PDB file of N, CA and C in Angstrom:
ATOM      1  N   MET A   1      91.947 130.875 142.377  1.00  0.00           N
ATOM      2  CA  MET A   1      92.851 130.106 141.557  1.00  0.00           C
ATOM      3  C   MET A   1      93.454 131.023 140.501  1.00  0.00           C
ATOM      4  N   MET A   2      94.734 130.879 140.346  1.00  0.00           N
ATOM      5  CA  MET A   2      95.409 131.714 139.363  1.00  0.00           C
ATOM      6  C   MET A   2      95.838 130.854 138.181  1.00  0.00           C
ATOM      7  N   GLY A   3      95.635 131.392 136.987  1.00  0.00           N
ATOM      8  CA  GLY A   3      96.058 130.692 135.788  1.00  0.00           C
ATOM      9  C   GLY A   3      97.510 131.003 135.466  1.00  0.00           C
ATOM     10  N   ILE A   4      98.018 130.326 134.486  1.00  0.00           N
ATOM     11  CA  ILE A   4      99.389 130.565 134.042  1.00  0.00           C
ATOM     12  C   ILE A   4      99.356 131.665 132.988  1.00  0.00           C
ATOM     13  N   SER A   5     100.154 132.692 133.203  1.00  0.00           N
ATOM     14  CA  SER A   5     100.179 133.801 132.250  1.00  0.00           C
ATOM     15  C   SER A   5     101.122 133.477 131.096  1.00  0.00           C
ATOM     16  N   ILE A   6     101.075 134.314 130.074  1.00  0.00           N
ATOM     17  CA  ILE A   6     101.922 134.118 128.906  1.00  0.00           C
ATOM     18  C   ILE A   6     103.395 134.247 129.276  1.00  0.00           C
ATOM     19  N   TRP A   7     103.723 135.112 130.219  1.00  0.00           N
ATOM     20  CA  TRP A   7     105.112 135.294 130.627  1.00  0.00           C
ATOM     21  C   TRP A   7     105.651 134.055 131.318  1.00  0.00           C
ATOM     22  N   GLN A   8     104.833 133.414 132.130  1.00  0.00           N
ATOM     23  CA  GLN A   8     105.260 132.191 132.799  1.00  0.00           C
ATOM     24  C   GLN A   8     105.480 131.071 131.790  1.00  0.00           C
ATOM     25  N   LEU A   9     104.613 130.991 130.778  1.00  0.00           N
ATOM     26  CA  LEU A   9     104.797 129.987 129.738  1.00  0.00           C
ATOM     27  C   LEU A   9     106.075 130.236 128.941  1.00  0.00           C
ATOM     28  N   LEU A  10     106.378 131.482 128.652  1.00  0.00           N
ATOM     29  CA  LEU A  10     107.594 131.808 127.919  1.00  0.00           C
ATOM     30  C   LEU A  10     108.843 131.466 128.719  1.00  0.00           C
ATOM     31  N   ILE A  11     108.810 131.712 130.016  1.00  0.00           N
ATOM     32  CA  ILE A  11     109.952 131.369 130.868  1.00  0.00           C
ATOM     33  C   ILE A  11     110.143 129.854 130.917  1.00  0.00           C
ATOM     34  N   ILE A  12     109.058 129.106 131.029  1.00  0.00           N
ATOM     35  CA  ILE A  12     109.140 127.645 131.037  1.00  0.00           C
ATOM     36  C   ILE A  12     109.678 127.140 129.703  1.00  0.00           C
ATOM     37  N   LEU A  13     109.220 127.711 128.608  1.00  0.00           N
ATOM     38  CA  LEU A  13     109.707 127.328 127.291  1.00  0.00           C
ATOM     39  C   LEU A  13     111.191 127.615 127.136  1.00  0.00           C
ATOM     40  N   LEU A  14     111.632 128.742 127.624  1.00  0.00           N
ATOM     41  CA  LEU A  14     113.046 129.098 127.566  1.00  0.00           C
ATOM     42  C   LEU A  14     113.895 128.112 128.369  1.00  0.00           C
ATOM     43  N   ILE A  15     113.434 127.736 129.541  1.00  0.00           N
ATOM     44  CA  ILE A  15     114.172 126.778 130.375  1.00  0.00           C
ATOM     45  C   ILE A  15     114.243 125.416 129.688  1.00  0.00           C
ATOM     46  N   VAL A  16     113.141 124.975 129.076  1.00  0.00           N
ATOM     47  CA  VAL A  16     113.129 123.688 128.380  1.00  0.00           C
ATOM     48  C   VAL A  16     114.093 123.708 127.203  1.00  0.00           C
ATOM     49  N   VAL A  17     114.115 124.798 126.445  1.00  0.00           N
ATOM     50  CA  VAL A  17     115.032 124.907 125.309  1.00  0.00           C
ATOM     51  C   VAL A  17     116.474 124.913 125.793  1.00  0.00           C
ATOM     52  N   MET A  18     116.740 125.586 126.900  1.00  0.00           N
ATOM     53  CA  MET A  18     118.101 125.621 127.426  1.00  0.00           C
ATOM     54  C   MET A  18     118.533 124.247 127.934  1.00  0.00           C
ATOM     55  N   LEU A  19     117.628 123.484 128.512  1.00  0.00           N
ATOM     56  CA  LEU A  19     117.974 122.163 129.038  1.00  0.00           C
ATOM     57  C   LEU A  19     118.198 121.133 127.931  1.00  0.00           C
ATOM     58  N   PHE A  20     117.292 121.092 126.965  1.00  0.00           N
ATOM     59  CA  PHE A  20     117.327 120.039 125.963  1.00  0.00           C
ATOM     60  C   PHE A  20     117.977 120.458 124.651  1.00  0.00           C
ATOM     61  N   GLY A  21     117.969 121.708 124.323  1.00  0.00           N
ATOM     62  CA  GLY A  21     118.520 122.153 123.051  1.00  0.00           C
ATOM     63  C   GLY A  21     117.495 122.029 121.934  1.00  0.00           C
ATOM     64  N   THR A  22     117.711 122.797 120.889  1.00  0.00           N
ATOM     65  CA  THR A  22     116.736 122.826 119.801  1.00  0.00           C
ATOM     66  C   THR A  22     116.781 121.563 118.959  1.00  0.00           C
ATOM     67  N   LYS A  23     117.951 120.952 118.797  1.00  0.00           N
ATOM     68  CA  LYS A  23     118.034 119.739 117.973  1.00  0.00           C
ATOM     69  C   LYS A  23     117.266 118.590 118.609  1.00  0.00           C
ATOM     70  N   ARG A  24     117.421 118.421 119.906  1.00  0.00           N
ATOM     71  CA  ARG A  24     116.713 117.329 120.585  1.00  0.00           C
ATOM     72  C   ARG A  24     115.204 117.577 120.584  1.00  0.00           C
ATOM     73  N   LEU A  25     114.787 118.827 120.793  1.00  0.00           N
ATOM     74  CA  LEU A  25     113.357 119.128 120.765  1.00  0.00           C
ATOM     75  C   LEU A  25     112.779 118.908 119.372  1.00  0.00           C
ATOM     76  N   ARG A  26     113.540 119.268 118.338  1.00  0.00           N
ATOM     77  CA  ARG A  26     113.089 119.052 116.963  1.00  0.00           C
ATOM     78  C   ARG A  26     112.957 117.558 116.690  1.00  0.00           C
ATOM     79  N   GLY A  27     113.911 116.775 117.180  1.00  0.00           N
ATOM     80  CA  GLY A  27     113.847 115.328 117.016  1.00  0.00           C
ATOM     81  C   GLY A  27     112.664 114.715 117.750  1.00  0.00           C
ATOM     82  N   LEU A  28     112.406 115.203 118.956  1.00  0.00           N
ATOM     83  CA  LEU A  28     111.250 114.708 119.711  1.00  0.00           C
ATOM     84  C   LEU A  28     109.947 115.046 119.001  1.00  0.00           C
ATOM     85  N   GLY A  29     109.865 116.257 118.463  1.00  0.00           N
ATOM     86  CA  GLY A  29     108.666 116.659 117.725  1.00  0.00           C
ATOM     87  C   GLY A  29     108.461 115.812 116.482  1.00  0.00           C
ATOM     88  N   SER A  30     109.542 115.534 115.793  1.00  0.00           N
ATOM     89  CA  SER A  30     109.459 114.701 114.595  1.00  0.00           C
ATOM     90  C   SER A  30     109.032 113.281 114.941  1.00  0.00           C
ATOM     91  N   ASP A  31     109.601 112.722 115.988  1.00  0.00           N
ATOM     92  CA  ASP A  31     109.238 111.372 116.423  1.00  0.00           C
ATOM     93  C   ASP A  31     107.777 111.300 116.865  1.00  0.00           C
ATOM     94  N   LEU A  32     107.342 112.313 117.581  1.00  0.00           N
ATOM     95  CA  LEU A  32     105.953 112.347 118.034  1.00  0.00           C
ATOM     96  C   LEU A  32     104.997 112.455 116.844  1.00  0.00           C
ATOM     97  N   GLY A  33     105.347 113.289 115.876  1.00  0.00           N
ATOM     98  CA  GLY A  33     104.510 113.431 114.686  1.00  0.00           C
ATOM     99  C   GLY A  33     104.412 112.146 113.885  1.00  0.00           C
ATOM    100  N   SER A  34     105.522 111.436 113.721  1.00  0.00           N
ATOM    101  CA  SER A  34     105.481 110.180 112.973  1.00  0.00           C
ATOM    102  C   SER A  34     104.722 109.107 113.749  1.00  0.00           C
ATOM    103  N   ALA A  35     104.803 109.125 115.063  1.00  0.00           N
ATOM    104  CA  ALA A  35     104.044 108.162 115.867  1.00  0.00           C
ATOM    105  C   ALA A  35     102.542 108.407 115.747  1.00  0.00           C
ATOM    106  N   ILE A  36     102.151 109.666 115.768  1.00  0.00           N
ATOM    107  CA  ILE A  36     100.725 109.994 115.623  1.00  0.00           C
ATOM    108  C   ILE A  36     100.237 109.625 114.231  1.00  0.00           C
ATOM    109  N   ALA A  37     101.047 109.894 113.207  1.00  0.00           N
ATOM    110  CA  ALA A  37     100.665 109.539 111.834  1.00  0.00           C
ATOM    111  C   ALA A  37     100.522 108.028 111.687  1.00  0.00           C
ATOM    112  N   GLY A  38     101.428 107.260 112.267  1.00  0.00           N
ATOM    113  CA  GLY A  38     101.327 105.806 112.219  1.00  0.00           C
ATOM    114  C   GLY A  38     100.101 105.287 112.942  1.00  0.00           C
ATOM    115  N   PHE A  39      99.778 105.900 114.071  1.00  0.00           N
ATOM    116  CA  PHE A  39      98.582 105.496 114.821  1.00  0.00           C
ATOM    117  C   PHE A  39      97.319 105.767 114.014  1.00  0.00           C
ATOM    118  N   ARG A  40      97.239 106.944 113.405  1.00  0.00           N
ATOM    119  CA  ARG A  40      96.066 107.279 112.588  1.00  0.00           C
ATOM    120  C   ARG A  40      95.943 106.336 111.397  1.00  0.00           C
ATOM    121  N   LYS A  41      97.068 105.993 110.781  1.00  0.00           N
ATOM    122  CA  LYS A  41      97.046 105.085 109.636  1.00  0.00           C
ATOM    123  C   LYS A  41      96.539 103.710 110.054  1.00  0.00           C
ATOM    124  N   SER A  42      97.013 103.200 111.176  1.00  0.00           N
ATOM    125  CA  SER A  42      96.581 101.875 111.625  1.00  0.00           C
ATOM    126  C   SER A  42      95.109 101.872 112.022  1.00  0.00           C
ATOM    127  N   VAL A  43      94.634 102.961 112.609  1.00  0.00           N
ATOM    128  CA  VAL A  43      93.216 103.038 112.983  1.00  0.00           C
ATOM    129  C   VAL A  43      92.344 103.072 111.735  1.00  0.00           C
ATOM    130  N   SER A  44      92.749 103.844 110.726  1.00  0.00           N
ATOM    131  CA  SER A  44      91.948 103.910 109.509  1.00  0.00           C
ATOM    132  C   SER A  44      91.966 102.572 108.763  1.00  0.00           C
ATOM    133  N   GLU A  45      93.117 101.872 108.781  1.00  0.00           N
ATOM    134  CA  GLU A  45      93.174 100.552 108.152  1.00  0.00           C
ATOM    135  C   GLU A  45      92.288  99.563 108.894  1.00  0.00           C
ATOM    136  N   ALA A  46      92.276  99.626 110.204  1.00  0.00           N
ATOM    137  CA  ALA A  46      91.441  98.716 110.994  1.00  0.00           C
ATOM    138  C   ALA A  46      89.963  98.989 110.740  1.00  0.00           C
ATOM    139  N   GLU A  47      89.598 100.252 110.599  1.00  0.00           N
ATOM    140  CA  GLU A  47      88.201 100.590 110.328  1.00  0.00           C
ATOM    141  C   GLU A  47      87.792 100.120 108.937  1.00  0.00           C
ATOM    142  N   SER A  48      88.677 100.258 107.959  1.00  0.00           N
ATOM    143  CA  SER A  48      88.323  99.848 106.602  1.00  0.00           C
ATOM    144  C   SER A  48      88.220  98.323 106.506  1.00  0.00           C
ATOM    145  N   THR A  49      89.074  97.583 107.185  1.00  0.00           N
ATOM    146  CA  THR A  49      88.962  96.122 107.155  1.00  0.00           C
ATOM    147  C   THR A  49      87.751  95.657 107.942  1.00  0.00           C
ATOM    148  N   ALA A  50      87.379  96.380 108.967  1.00  0.00           N
ATOM    149  CA  ALA A  50      86.195  96.007 109.746  1.00  0.00           C
ATOM    150  C   ALA A  50      84.933  96.219 108.920  1.00  0.00           C
ATOM    151  N   GLN A  51      84.929  97.219 108.033  1.00  0.00           N
ATOM    152  CA  GLN A  51      83.767  97.480 107.198  1.00  0.00           C
ATOM    153  C   GLN A  51      83.702  96.499 106.035  1.00  0.00           C
ATOM    154  N   VAL A  52      84.820  96.045 105.534  1.00  0.00           N
ATOM    155  CA  VAL A  52      84.853  95.161 104.374  1.00  0.00           C
ATOM    156  C   VAL A  52      84.545  93.729 104.763  1.00  0.00           C
ATOM    157  N   GLU A  53      85.103  93.263 105.850  1.00  0.00           N
ATOM    158  CA  GLU A  53      84.939  91.877 106.253  1.00  0.00           C
ATOM    159  C   GLU A  53      83.754  91.719 107.200  1.00  0.00           C
ATOM    160  N   PRO A  54      82.667  91.084 106.733  1.00  0.00           N
ATOM    161  CA  PRO A  54      81.531  90.867 107.636  1.00  0.00           C
ATOM    162  C   PRO A  54      81.872  89.781 108.653  1.00  0.00           C
ATOM    163  N   VAL A  55      81.168  89.797 109.738  1.00  0.00           N
ATOM    164  CA  VAL A  55      81.380  88.809 110.795  1.00  0.00           C
ATOM    165  C   VAL A  55      80.787  87.506 110.349  1.00  0.00           C
ATOM    166  N   LYS A  56      81.607  86.441 110.406  1.00  0.00           N
ATOM    167  CA  LYS A  56      81.146  85.125 109.968  1.00  0.00           C
ATOM    168  C   LYS A  56      80.543  84.393 111.169  1.00  0.00           C
ATOM    169  N   PRO A  57      79.339  83.831 110.985  1.00  0.00           N
ATOM    170  CA  PRO A  57      78.738  83.088 112.105  1.00  0.00           C
ATOM    171  C   PRO A  57      79.485  81.781 112.332  1.00  0.00           C
ATOM    172  N   GLU A  58      79.557  81.378 113.572  1.00  0.00           N
ATOM    173  CA  GLU A  58      80.237  80.140 113.924  1.00  0.00           C
ATOM    174  C   GLU A  58      79.304  78.952 113.711  1.00  0.00           C
ATOM    175  N   LEU A  59      79.842  77.903 113.163  1.00  0.00           N
ATOM    176  CA  LEU A  59      79.051  76.674 112.955  1.00  0.00           C
ATOM    177  C   LEU A  59      79.263  75.752 114.135  1.00  0.00           C
ATOM    178  N   LYS A  60      78.154  75.196 114.630  1.00  0.00           N
ATOM    179  CA  LYS A  60      78.243  74.303 115.791  1.00  0.00           C
ATOM    180  C   LYS A  60      77.902  72.904 115.396  1.00  0.00           C
TER     181      LYS A  60
END
């Protein structure tokens, strides 16, 4: 099995930049970063509310 060398990665990166352009790639990176930040924020909020609010037993 052969791995991908650094030269092959650079060629792939060059082709991607030529296809999409730097502005679109920058926009995609920014969108991805904000999506990850929003996901982390919602997970931390869910964990903090789960720790604060105890489970209430159901009355029958």
